PDB file of N, CA and C in Angstrom:
ATOM      1  N   MET A   1      89.012 119.066 106.641  1.00  0.00           N
ATOM      2  CA  MET A   1      90.009 119.123 105.859  1.00  0.00           C
ATOM      3  C   MET A   1      90.605 117.426 105.886  1.00  0.00           C
ATOM      4  N   ASN A   2      90.714 116.962 104.908  1.00  0.00           N
ATOM      5  CA  ASN A   2      91.506 115.788 104.667  1.00  0.00           C
ATOM      6  C   ASN A   2      92.903 115.904 104.081  1.00  0.00           C
ATOM      7  N   THR A   3      93.884 115.277 104.939  1.00  0.00           N
ATOM      8  CA  THR A   3      95.198 115.341 104.348  1.00  0.00           C
ATOM      9  C   THR A   3      96.073 114.288 104.770  1.00  0.00           C
ATOM     10  N   THR A   4      96.903 114.084 104.125  1.00  0.00           N
ATOM     11  CA  THR A   4      98.044 112.798 104.624  1.00  0.00           C
ATOM     12  C   THR A   4      99.258 113.723 104.701  1.00  0.00           C
ATOM     13  N   ILE A   5      99.944 113.278 105.885  1.00  0.00           N
ATOM     14  CA  ILE A   5     101.311 114.042 106.133  1.00  0.00           C
ATOM     15  C   ILE A   5     102.192 113.089 106.609  1.00  0.00           C
ATOM     16  N   ASP A   6     103.530 113.453 106.948  1.00  0.00           N
ATOM     17  CA  ASP A   6     104.381 112.465 107.108  1.00  0.00           C
ATOM     18  C   ASP A   6     105.001 112.977 108.636  1.00  0.00           C
ATOM     19  N   ALA A   7     104.854 112.046 109.414  1.00  0.00           N
ATOM     20  CA  ALA A   7     105.270 112.502 110.931  1.00  0.00           C
ATOM     21  C   ALA A   7     106.260 111.862 111.614  1.00  0.00           C
ATOM     22  N   MET A   8     106.820 112.003 112.452  1.00  0.00           N
ATOM     23  CA  MET A   8     108.226 111.138 113.305  1.00  0.00           C
ATOM     24  C   MET A   8     107.377 110.789 114.511  1.00  0.00           C
ATOM     25  N   TYR A   9     107.542 110.039 115.064  1.00  0.00           N
ATOM     26  CA  TYR A   9     106.867 109.280 116.524  1.00  0.00           C
ATOM     27  C   TYR A   9     108.363 109.558 117.490  1.00  0.00           C
ATOM     28  N   ASP A  10     108.280 110.196 118.522  1.00  0.00           N
ATOM     29  CA  ASP A  10     109.481 110.351 119.379  1.00  0.00           C
ATOM     30  C   ASP A  10     109.084 109.581 120.633  1.00  0.00           C
ATOM     31  N   GLY A  11     108.254 108.621 120.627  1.00  0.00           N
ATOM     32  CA  GLY A  11     108.020 107.664 122.078  1.00  0.00           C
ATOM     33  C   GLY A  11     106.878 108.448 122.833  1.00  0.00           C
ATOM     34  N   GLU A  12     106.508 109.734 122.599  1.00  0.00           N
ATOM     35  CA  GLU A  12     105.703 110.311 123.229  1.00  0.00           C
ATOM     36  C   GLU A  12     104.261 110.940 122.234  1.00  0.00           C
ATOM     37  N   VAL A  13     104.847 111.586 121.430  1.00  0.00           N
ATOM     38  CA  VAL A  13     103.964 112.631 120.508  1.00  0.00           C
ATOM     39  C   VAL A  13     104.566 112.455 118.661  1.00  0.00           C
ATOM     40  N   PHE A  14     103.356 112.562 118.167  1.00  0.00           N
ATOM     41  CA  PHE A  14     104.029 112.549 116.628  1.00  0.00           C
ATOM     42  C   PHE A  14     104.140 113.924 116.341  1.00  0.00           C
ATOM     43  N   ARG A  15     105.130 114.005 115.626  1.00  0.00           N
ATOM     44  CA  ARG A  15     105.875 115.385 114.912  1.00  0.00           C
ATOM     45  C   ARG A  15     105.885 115.379 113.547  1.00  0.00           C
ATOM     46  N   PRO A  16     105.198 116.423 112.970  1.00  0.00           N
ATOM     47  CA  PRO A  16     104.682 116.623 111.477  1.00  0.00           C
ATOM     48  C   PRO A  16     106.165 116.912 111.054  1.00  0.00           C
ATOM     49  N   GLU A  17     106.371 116.544 110.039  1.00  0.00           N
ATOM     50  CA  GLU A  17     107.870 116.813 109.020  1.00  0.00           C
ATOM     51  C   GLU A  17     107.663 118.113 108.398  1.00  0.00           C
ATOM     52  N   ALA A  18     106.520 118.727 108.303  1.00  0.00           N
ATOM     53  CA  ALA A  18     105.987 119.773 107.456  1.00  0.00           C
ATOM     54  C   ALA A  18     105.045 120.696 108.665  1.00  0.00           C
ATOM     55  N   PRO A  19     105.090 122.092 108.322  1.00  0.00           N
ATOM     56  CA  PRO A  19     103.879 122.551 109.326  1.00  0.00           C
ATOM     57  C   PRO A  19     102.257 122.280 108.610  1.00  0.00           C
ATOM     58  N   LEU A  20     101.594 122.549 109.625  1.00  0.00           N
ATOM     59  CA  LEU A  20     100.223 122.101 109.358  1.00  0.00           C
ATOM     60  C   LEU A  20      99.788 123.222 109.476  1.00  0.00           C
ATOM     61  N   ASP A  21      98.400 123.461 108.594  1.00  0.00           N
ATOM     62  CA  ASP A  21      97.565 124.797 108.730  1.00  0.00           C
ATOM     63  C   ASP A  21      96.365 124.541 109.861  1.00  0.00           C
ATOM     64  N   LEU A  22      96.824 124.171 110.970  1.00  0.00           N
ATOM     65  CA  LEU A  22      95.948 123.975 111.948  1.00  0.00           C
ATOM     66  C   LEU A  22      96.333 125.096 113.070  1.00  0.00           C
ATOM     67  N   GLN A  23      94.948 125.326 113.980  1.00  0.00           N
ATOM     68  CA  GLN A  23      95.222 126.105 115.219  1.00  0.00           C
ATOM     69  C   GLN A  23      95.609 125.308 116.465  1.00  0.00           C
ATOM     70  N   PRO A  24      96.475 125.673 117.153  1.00  0.00           N
ATOM     71  CA  PRO A  24      96.984 124.583 118.353  1.00  0.00           C
ATOM     72  C   PRO A  24      95.599 124.262 118.979  1.00  0.00           C
ATOM     73  N   ASN A  25      95.764 123.192 119.567  1.00  0.00           N
ATOM     74  CA  ASN A  25      94.489 122.415 120.326  1.00  0.00           C
ATOM     75  C   ASN A  25      93.626 122.097 119.462  1.00  0.00           C
ATOM     76  N   THR A  26      93.757 121.641 118.224  1.00  0.00           N
ATOM     77  CA  THR A  26      92.516 121.312 117.164  1.00  0.00           C
ATOM     78  C   THR A  26      92.865 119.533 117.276  1.00  0.00           C
ATOM     79  N   ARG A  27      91.439 119.213 117.664  1.00  0.00           N
ATOM     80  CA  ARG A  27      91.383 117.900 117.445  1.00  0.00           C
ATOM     81  C   ARG A  27      91.580 117.065 116.342  1.00  0.00           C
ATOM     82  N   VAL A  28      92.124 116.112 115.969  1.00  0.00           N
ATOM     83  CA  VAL A  28      92.462 115.297 114.813  1.00  0.00           C
ATOM     84  C   VAL A  28      92.330 113.807 114.772  1.00  0.00           C
ATOM     85  N   ARG A  29      91.884 113.127 114.093  1.00  0.00           N
ATOM     86  CA  ARG A  29      92.189 111.673 114.125  1.00  0.00           C
ATOM     87  C   ARG A  29      92.760 111.472 113.047  1.00  0.00           C
ATOM     88  N   LEU A  30      94.096 110.451 113.867  1.00  0.00           N
ATOM     89  CA  LEU A  30      94.976 109.908 113.101  1.00  0.00           C
ATOM     90  C   LEU A  30      94.897 108.386 112.803  1.00  0.00           C
ATOM     91  N   THR A  31      95.471 108.168 111.894  1.00  0.00           N
ATOM     92  CA  THR A  31      95.620 106.667 111.032  1.00  0.00           C
ATOM     93  C   THR A  31      96.798 106.441 110.974  1.00  0.00           C
ATOM     94  N   VAL A  32      97.714 105.475 111.756  1.00  0.00           N
ATOM     95  CA  VAL A  32      98.815 105.362 111.589  1.00  0.00           C
ATOM     96  C   VAL A  32      99.488 104.040 110.622  1.00  0.00           C
ATOM     97  N   GLU A  33     100.274 104.588 109.648  1.00  0.00           N
ATOM     98  CA  GLU A  33     100.485 103.519 108.660  1.00  0.00           C
ATOM     99  C   GLU A  33     102.421 103.585 108.545  1.00  0.00           C
ATOM    100  N   SER A  34     103.007 102.462 108.928  1.00  0.00           N
ATOM    101  CA  SER A  34     104.360 102.562 108.964  1.00  0.00           C
ATOM    102  C   SER A  34     104.972 102.869 107.724  1.00  0.00           C
ATOM    103  N   ALA A  35     105.928 103.656 107.416  1.00  0.00           N
ATOM    104  CA  ALA A  35     106.063 104.355 106.140  1.00  0.00           C
ATOM    105  C   ALA A  35     107.420 103.273 105.761  1.00  0.00           C
ATOM    106  N   THR A  36     107.941 102.670 106.541  1.00  0.00           N
ATOM    107  CA  THR A  36     108.825 101.454 106.106  1.00  0.00           C
ATOM    108  C   THR A  36     108.185 100.395 105.726  1.00  0.00           C
ATOM    109  N   ALA A  37     107.027 100.037 106.089  1.00  0.00           N
ATOM    110  CA  ALA A  37     106.411  98.883 105.901  1.00  0.00           C
ATOM    111  C   ALA A  37     106.137  98.723 104.305  1.00  0.00           C
ATOM    112  N   SER A  38     105.838 100.232 103.571  1.00  0.00           N
ATOM    113  CA  SER A  38     105.126 100.160 102.483  1.00  0.00           C
ATOM    114  C   SER A  38     106.243 100.150 101.553  1.00  0.00           C
ATOM    115  N   LYS A  39     107.613 100.497 101.971  1.00  0.00           N
ATOM    116  CA  LYS A  39     108.573 100.609 101.281  1.00  0.00           C
ATOM    117  C   LYS A  39     109.440  99.407 100.773  1.00  0.00           C
ATOM    118  N   GLY A  40     108.824  98.183 100.908  1.00  0.00           N
ATOM    119  CA  GLY A  40     109.122  96.583 100.623  1.00  0.00           C
ATOM    120  C   GLY A  40     109.199  96.797  99.132  1.00  0.00           C
ATOM    121  N   GLU A  41     109.220  95.233  98.671  1.00  0.00           N
ATOM    122  CA  GLU A  41     109.198  95.050  97.261  1.00  0.00           C
ATOM    123  C   GLU A  41     107.935  95.313  96.905  1.00  0.00           C
ATOM    124  N   PRO A  42     107.924  96.016  95.786  1.00  0.00           N
ATOM    125  CA  PRO A  42     106.629  96.336  95.332  1.00  0.00           C
ATOM    126  C   PRO A  42     105.589  95.044  94.657  1.00  0.00           C
ATOM    127  N   TYR A  43     104.197  95.009  95.110  1.00  0.00           N
ATOM    128  CA  TYR A  43     103.710  93.901  94.495  1.00  0.00           C
ATOM    129  C   TYR A  43     103.439  93.681  92.891  1.00  0.00           C
ATOM    130  N   SER A  44     103.650  92.525  92.843  1.00  0.00           N
ATOM    131  CA  SER A  44     103.579  91.782  91.497  1.00  0.00           C
ATOM    132  C   SER A  44     102.495  91.043  91.225  1.00  0.00           C
ATOM    133  N   PHE A  45     101.782  91.416  89.793  1.00  0.00           N
ATOM    134  CA  PHE A  45     100.472  90.811  89.498  1.00  0.00           C
ATOM    135  C   PHE A  45     100.857  89.548  89.370  1.00  0.00           C
ATOM    136  N   LEU A  46     101.975  89.162  88.443  1.00  0.00           N
ATOM    137  CA  LEU A  46     102.435  87.798  88.095  1.00  0.00           C
ATOM    138  C   LEU A  46     102.337  86.855  89.567  1.00  0.00           C
ATOM    139  N   ARG A  47     103.258  87.830  90.277  1.00  0.00           N
ATOM    140  CA  ARG A  47     103.460  86.713  91.798  1.00  0.00           C
ATOM    141  C   ARG A  47     102.293  86.329  92.426  1.00  0.00           C
ATOM    142  N   THR A  48     101.545  87.429  92.403  1.00  0.00           N
ATOM    143  CA  THR A  48     100.044  87.052  93.223  1.00  0.00           C
ATOM    144  C   THR A  48      99.404  85.996  92.276  1.00  0.00           C
ATOM    145  N   ALA A  49      99.324  86.069  90.822  1.00  0.00           N
ATOM    146  CA  ALA A  49      98.494  85.194  90.246  1.00  0.00           C
ATOM    147  C   ALA A  49      99.117  83.929  90.470  1.00  0.00           C
ATOM    148  N   GLN A  50     100.435  83.796  90.241  1.00  0.00           N
ATOM    149  CA  GLN A  50     100.880  82.709  90.443  1.00  0.00           C
ATOM    150  C   GLN A  50     100.701  81.872  91.828  1.00  0.00           C
ATOM    151  N   SER A  51     100.812  82.638  92.868  1.00  0.00           N
ATOM    152  CA  SER A  51     100.720  82.047  94.156  1.00  0.00           C
ATOM    153  C   SER A  51      99.143  82.009  94.354  1.00  0.00           C
ATOM    154  N   LEU A  52      98.139  82.122  93.547  1.00  0.00           N
ATOM    155  CA  LEU A  52      96.888  81.484  93.689  1.00  0.00           C
ATOM    156  C   LEU A  52      96.471  80.160  93.338  1.00  0.00           C
ATOM    157  N   ASN A  53      97.642  79.515  92.640  1.00  0.00           N
ATOM    158  CA  ASN A  53      97.450  77.921  91.938  1.00  0.00           C
ATOM    159  C   ASN A  53      96.617  77.849  91.306  1.00  0.00           C
ATOM    160  N   LEU A  54      96.323  78.738  90.242  1.00  0.00           N
ATOM    161  CA  LEU A  54      94.953  78.561  89.468  1.00  0.00           C
ATOM    162  C   LEU A  54      95.126  77.444  88.654  1.00  0.00           C
ATOM    163  N   ASP A  55      94.205  76.644  88.275  1.00  0.00           N
ATOM    164  CA  ASP A  55      93.960  75.446  87.370  1.00  0.00           C
ATOM    165  C   ASP A  55      93.504  75.633  86.523  1.00  0.00           C
ATOM    166  N   GLY A  56      93.966  75.620  85.213  1.00  0.00           N
ATOM    167  CA  GLY A  56      93.192  75.957  84.121  1.00  0.00           C
ATOM    168  C   GLY A  56      94.032  75.536  82.736  1.00  0.00           C
ATOM    169  N   PRO A  57      93.190  75.546  81.588  1.00  0.00           N
ATOM    170  CA  PRO A  57      93.931  74.959  80.169  1.00  0.00           C
ATOM    171  C   PRO A  57      95.398  75.523  79.829  1.00  0.00           C
ATOM    172  N   PRO A  58      96.203  74.751  79.437  1.00  0.00           N
ATOM    173  CA  PRO A  58      97.638  75.340  79.385  1.00  0.00           C
ATOM    174  C   PRO A  58      97.827  76.121  78.344  1.00  0.00           C
ATOM    175  N   ASP A  59      96.917  76.567  77.122  1.00  0.00           N
ATOM    176  CA  ASP A  59      96.813  77.617  76.714  1.00  0.00           C
ATOM    177  C   ASP A  59      96.166  78.947  76.842  1.00  0.00           C
ATOM    178  N   TRP A  60      95.844  79.212  77.900  1.00  0.00           N
ATOM    179  CA  TRP A  60      95.370  80.697  78.833  1.00  0.00           C
ATOM    180  C   TRP A  60      95.855  81.522  78.175  1.00  0.00           C
ATOM    181  N   SER A  61      97.148  81.874  78.195  1.00  0.00           N
ATOM    182  CA  SER A  61      97.704  83.133  77.681  1.00  0.00           C
ATOM    183  C   SER A  61      97.569  83.179  76.019  1.00  0.00           C
ATOM    184  N   LYS A  62      97.483  82.338  75.288  1.00  0.00           N
ATOM    185  CA  LYS A  62      97.075  82.132  73.789  1.00  0.00           C
ATOM    186  C   LYS A  62      95.877  82.817  73.195  1.00  0.00           C
ATOM    187  N   ARG A  63      94.854  81.796  73.907  1.00  0.00           N
ATOM    188  CA  ARG A  63      93.359  81.954  74.184  1.00  0.00           C
ATOM    189  C   ARG A  63      92.718  82.794  75.118  1.00  0.00           C
ATOM    190  N   LEU A  64      93.494  83.971  75.534  1.00  0.00           N
ATOM    191  CA  LEU A  64      92.783  84.607  76.571  1.00  0.00           C
ATOM    192  C   LEU A  64      91.347  85.026  76.062  1.00  0.00           C
ATOM    193  N   ASN A  65      91.408  85.666  75.065  1.00  0.00           N
ATOM    194  CA  ASN A  65      90.031  86.614  74.412  1.00  0.00           C
ATOM    195  C   ASN A  65      89.067  85.133  74.176  1.00  0.00           C
ATOM    196  N   ASP A  66      89.543  84.030  73.798  1.00  0.00           N
ATOM    197  CA  ASP A  66      88.320  83.024  73.425  1.00  0.00           C
ATOM    198  C   ASP A  66      87.703  82.694  74.681  1.00  0.00           C
ATOM    199  N   TYR A  67      88.606  82.547  75.883  1.00  0.00           N
ATOM    200  CA  TYR A  67      88.106  82.263  77.118  1.00  0.00           C
ATOM    201  C   TYR A  67      87.093  83.257  77.699  1.00  0.00           C
ATOM    202  N   LEU A  68      87.698  84.578  77.456  1.00  0.00           N
ATOM    203  CA  LEU A  68      86.743  85.521  78.289  1.00  0.00           C
ATOM    204  C   LEU A  68      85.456  85.594  77.204  1.00  0.00           C
ATOM    205  N   TYR A  69      85.783  85.847  76.394  1.00  0.00           N
ATOM    206  CA  TYR A  69      84.386  86.319  75.454  1.00  0.00           C
ATOM    207  C   TYR A  69      83.829  85.416  74.473  1.00  0.00           C
ATOM    208  N   GLY A  70      84.228  84.143  74.549  1.00  0.00           N
ATOM    209  CA  GLY A  70      83.847  83.297  73.347  1.00  0.00           C
ATOM    210  C   GLY A  70      84.726  82.966  72.476  1.00  0.00           C
ATOM    211  N   ASP A  71      84.570  81.732  72.028  1.00  0.00           N
ATOM    212  CA  ASP A  71      85.448  81.274  70.888  1.00  0.00           C
ATOM    213  C   ASP A  71      85.145  82.347  69.752  1.00  0.00           C
ATOM    214  N   ALA A  72      85.987  82.579  69.024  1.00  0.00           N
ATOM    215  CA  ALA A  72      85.680  83.702  67.507  1.00  0.00           C
ATOM    216  C   ALA A  72      85.150  82.634  66.698  1.00  0.00           C
ATOM    217  N   ALA A  73      85.251  81.467  66.810  1.00  0.00           N
ATOM    218  CA  ALA A  73      84.957  80.363  65.739  1.00  0.00           C
ATOM    219  C   ALA A  73      83.218  80.136  65.597  1.00  0.00           C
ATOM    220  N   ASP A  74      82.909  80.672  67.107  1.00  0.00           N
ATOM    221  CA  ASP A  74      81.296  80.268  67.340  1.00  0.00           C
ATOM    222  C   ASP A  74      80.685  81.261  66.917  1.00  0.00           C
ATOM    223  N   ALA A  75      80.882  82.571  66.364  1.00  0.00           N
ATOM    224  CA  ALA A  75      80.243  83.656  65.899  1.00  0.00           C
ATOM    225  C   ALA A  75      79.644  83.810  64.739  1.00  0.00           C
TER     226      ALA A  75
END
């Protein structure tokens, strides 16, 4: 069984926020990801693209298909 649960760490143990369909003393593997870390500012494709500092022709946005698939005039 694979499932994702929300839990609270009380300093000693993880306490699930909802009941689990598990028998007591069942061994599980936990992967810990802080829920507060993922609630920050959403990722922006534009911000990521700008951070790459790509160098290219100034008309990329107007001629994207030409650069991706070839100049239509060449066909």
